[in-house]
Amino acid sequence: MSNADLISLFSQLADDELTERVASGGLAADAQALAAAELVRRGVPVPPVTVKDQEAEGAYLGDMVIL
């Protein structure tokens, strides 16, 4: 997506939905910056990014079983 497309998308989201996307840490760096800028434009505080801890969830070991 182009920056213009992302700006348009983020401008259409509700405050709480945009805040969740920013906090999720799932956006690419450029998208993260544009989403945060949209929150600032609205006067909404930018939340800290939550990083998933893979060790807490358990590492994916695959679908294979050793016999």
Protein backbone atom coordinates (compact mmCIF):
# COMPACT_ATOMS: atom_id res chain seq x y z
CA MET A 1 0.00 0.00 0.00
CA SER A 2 1.15 3.51 -0.67
CA ASN A 3 1.48 6.08 2.10
CA ALA A 4 -1.58 7.89 0.73
CA ASP A 5 -3.60 4.65 0.98
CA LEU A 6 -2.45 4.09 4.56
CA ILE A 7 -3.25 7.67 5.56
CA SER A 8 -6.72 7.27 4.09
CA LEU A 9 -7.25 3.95 5.87
CA PHE A 10 -6.03 5.21 9.24
CA SER A 11 -8.13 8.36 9.00
CA GLN A 12 -11.25 6.20 8.66
CA LEU A 13 -10.59 4.07 11.77
CA ALA A 14 -12.13 4.84 15.15
CA ASP A 15 -9.74 6.12 17.83
CA ASP A 16 -9.76 2.90 19.84
CA GLU A 17 -9.22 0.69 16.78
CA LEU A 18 -6.32 2.82 15.57
CA THR A 19 -4.84 2.84 19.08
CA GLU A 20 -5.04 -0.97 19.22
CA ARG A 21 -3.27 -1.29 15.87
CA VAL A 22 -0.48 1.04 16.96
CA ALA A 23 -0.07 -0.76 20.29
CA SER A 24 -0.06 -4.23 18.70
CA GLY A 25 3.36 -3.81 17.14
CA GLY A 26 2.07 -5.59 14.04
CA LEU A 27 2.46 -2.67 11.64
CA ALA A 28 5.45 -2.10 9.38
CA ALA A 29 7.68 0.79 10.45
CA ASP A 30 6.28 3.23 7.87
CA ALA A 31 2.69 2.28 8.69
CA GLN A 32 3.43 2.56 12.41
CA ALA A 33 4.73 6.11 11.94
CA LEU A 34 1.71 7.14 9.84
CA ALA A 35 -0.75 5.62 12.32
CA ALA A 36 0.97 7.35 15.24
CA ALA A 37 0.88 10.64 13.32
CA GLU A 38 -2.87 10.20 12.82
CA LEU A 39 -3.34 9.67 16.57
CA VAL A 40 -1.33 12.84 17.28
CA ARG A 41 -3.40 14.75 14.72
CA ARG A 42 -6.55 13.66 16.60
CA GLY A 43 -5.08 14.59 19.97
CA VAL A 44 -5.10 10.96 21.13
CA PRO A 45 -2.11 9.76 23.17
CA VAL A 46 0.15 7.36 21.28
CA PRO A 47 0.33 4.07 23.23
CA PRO A 48 3.56 2.17 23.77
CA VAL A 49 4.10 -0.71 21.39
CA THR A 50 3.48 -4.10 22.96
CA VAL A 51 6.03 -6.67 21.88
CA LYS A 52 4.90 -10.27 22.01
CA ASP A 53 7.15 -12.48 24.07
CA GLN A 54 7.45 -15.71 22.09
CA GLU A 55 9.07 -17.49 25.01
CA ALA A 56 6.06 -16.74 27.21
CA GLU A 57 3.77 -18.23 24.57
CA GLY A 58 6.08 -21.16 23.95
CA ALA A 59 8.18 -21.57 20.85
CA TYR A 60 6.54 -23.19 17.84
CA LEU A 61 8.10 -26.59 17.50
CA GLY A 62 6.45 -27.63 14.26
CA ASP A 63 3.92 -30.24 13.31
CA MET A 64 6.24 -33.21 13.17
CA VAL A 65 6.29 -36.05 15.66
CA ILE A 66 9.39 -38.12 16.25
CA LEU A 67 8.66 -41.83 16.51
